[in-house]
Amino acid sequence: MKNIKMIIALLCMLSIAADVFAKKANEILITDTIKVSGNCDMCKANIEEALDIKGVKKAEWNKDTKILIVSYYASKINNETIQHKVADAGYDTEKFKANVAAYDKLHACCKYERK
């Protein structure tokens, strides 16, 4: 009887592990490039920190090219939400302008020329 209980418990654990693995395997990782306004290393830190959120695997902004490369799980977040998060941090993106209050909170060196 004890062996049967152990076998059942083991099968349950294997079933749960297989389910978790299947869910991870079905997650689609997307990598996008997004134009984001900014000037300096502080901007880089702020932009990347704004994307330290569920669903984003990696975000890297280049201050010279003004390009954000972001990898994210399509089942958890999308490009539009990512751009909203960046704009909420004070930085204009391809689709969204940061609101004036968010832009005004940026450090002086981070205040890029707005179009």
Protein backbone atom coordinates (compact mmCIF):
# COMPACT_ATOMS: atom_id res chain seq x y z
CA MET A 1 0.00 0.00 0.00
CA LYS A 2 2.84 2.34 0.87
CA ASN A 3 4.47 1.71 -2.53
CA ILE A 4 1.21 2.45 -4.34
CA LYS A 5 0.90 5.81 -2.55
CA MET A 6 4.48 6.68 -3.46
CA ILE A 7 3.88 5.75 -7.11
CA ILE A 8 0.72 7.86 -7.22
CA ALA A 9 2.54 10.81 -5.63
CA LEU A 10 5.40 10.46 -8.12
CA LEU A 11 2.99 10.32 -11.06
CA CYS A 12 1.24 13.47 -9.79
CA MET A 13 4.55 15.31 -9.51
CA LEU A 14 5.57 14.19 -13.00
CA SER A 15 2.22 15.32 -14.38
CA ILE A 16 2.61 18.76 -12.80
CA ALA A 17 6.18 19.07 -14.09
CA ALA A 18 5.08 18.08 -17.60
CA ASP A 19 2.28 20.67 -17.51
CA VAL A 20 4.68 23.43 -16.42
CA PHE A 21 7.16 22.43 -19.11
CA ALA A 22 4.44 22.41 -21.78
CA LYS A 23 3.31 25.90 -20.77
CA LYS A 24 6.89 27.22 -20.91
CA ALA A 25 7.43 25.59 -24.32
CA ASN A 26 4.26 27.23 -25.68
CA GLU A 27 5.31 30.74 -24.64
CA ILE A 28 6.41 32.78 -27.61
CA LEU A 29 9.34 35.09 -27.04
CA ILE A 30 9.15 38.19 -29.25
CA THR A 31 12.01 40.62 -29.83
CA ASP A 32 11.15 44.11 -31.08
CA THR A 33 13.12 47.26 -31.75
CA ILE A 34 11.51 50.53 -30.70
CA LYS A 35 12.75 54.09 -31.24
CA VAL A 36 12.85 55.84 -27.84
CA SER A 37 13.95 59.42 -27.18
CA GLY A 38 16.62 60.05 -24.54
CA ASN A 39 20.14 61.34 -24.04
CA CYS A 40 22.33 59.65 -21.50
CA ASP A 41 23.20 56.70 -19.29
CA MET A 42 20.63 57.87 -16.74
CA CYS A 43 17.99 57.67 -19.49
CA LYS A 44 19.20 54.16 -20.28
CA ALA A 45 18.79 53.13 -16.64
CA ASN A 46 15.33 54.72 -16.38
CA ILE A 47 14.04 53.18 -19.62
CA GLU A 48 15.34 49.72 -18.80
CA GLU A 49 14.07 49.95 -15.22
CA ALA A 50 10.61 50.93 -16.48
CA LEU A 51 10.54 47.58 -18.29
CA ASP A 52 11.60 45.47 -15.33
CA ILE A 53 8.08 44.05 -15.32
CA LYS A 54 6.28 40.73 -15.71
CA GLY A 55 6.49 39.44 -19.26
CA VAL A 56 9.61 41.35 -20.30
CA LYS A 57 12.63 39.09 -20.43
CA LYS A 58 15.20 41.68 -21.52
CA ALA A 59 15.27 45.37 -22.38
CA GLU A 60 18.33 47.24 -23.61
CA TRP A 61 18.34 50.85 -24.82
CA ASN A 62 21.25 52.31 -26.80
CA LYS A 63 21.85 56.02 -26.17
CA ASP A 64 23.66 56.52 -29.49
CA THR A 65 21.07 54.91 -31.77
CA LYS A 66 18.06 55.69 -29.53
CA ILE A 67 16.89 52.13 -30.15
CA LEU A 68 15.35 49.92 -27.48
CA ILE A 69 15.65 46.20 -28.09
CA VAL A 70 13.11 44.39 -25.97
CA SER A 71 12.36 40.68 -25.67
CA TYR A 72 9.03 39.73 -24.13
CA TYR A 73 6.52 36.91 -23.82
CA ALA A 74 3.54 37.57 -26.09
CA SER A 75 1.22 35.75 -23.70
CA LYS A 76 2.00 38.22 -20.90
CA ILE A 77 2.56 41.64 -22.52
CA ASN A 78 2.53 43.34 -25.92
CA ASN A 79 4.46 46.02 -27.78
CA GLU A 80 1.85 48.70 -27.12
CA THR A 81 1.91 48.13 -23.36
CA ILE A 82 5.71 48.21 -23.40
CA GLN A 83 5.68 51.56 -25.20
CA HIS A 84 3.11 52.89 -22.70
CA LYS A 85 5.41 51.91 -19.81
CA VAL A 86 8.33 53.75 -21.42
CA ALA A 87 6.18 56.83 -22.06
CA ASP A 88 4.92 56.70 -18.45
CA ALA A 89 8.59 56.94 -17.39
CA GLY A 90 8.92 60.21 -19.35
CA TYR A 91 10.33 59.06 -22.68
CA ASP A 92 8.68 59.45 -26.09
CA THR A 93 8.38 56.29 -28.19
CA GLU A 94 7.33 55.62 -31.78
CA LYS A 95 3.66 55.35 -30.78
CA PHE A 96 3.31 57.38 -27.59
CA LYS A 97 4.49 60.72 -26.27
CA ALA A 98 5.30 60.97 -22.59
CA ASN A 99 2.91 63.23 -20.75
CA VAL A 100 4.29 66.62 -19.73
CA ALA A 101 4.32 65.78 -16.01
CA ALA A 102 6.42 62.63 -16.57
CA TYR A 103 8.80 64.47 -18.89
CA ASP A 104 9.16 67.36 -16.41
CA LYS A 105 10.23 64.90 -13.67
CA LEU A 106 13.27 63.80 -15.68
CA HIS A 107 16.72 64.94 -14.57
CA ALA A 108 18.03 67.95 -16.53
CA CYS A 109 20.48 65.86 -18.54
CA CYS A 110 17.66 63.51 -19.57
CA LYS A 111 15.48 66.23 -21.11
CA TYR A 112 15.76 65.39 -24.79
CA GLU A 113 14.46 67.72 -27.51
CA ARG A 114 10.77 66.96 -28.01
CA LYS A 115 9.21 67.09 -31.45
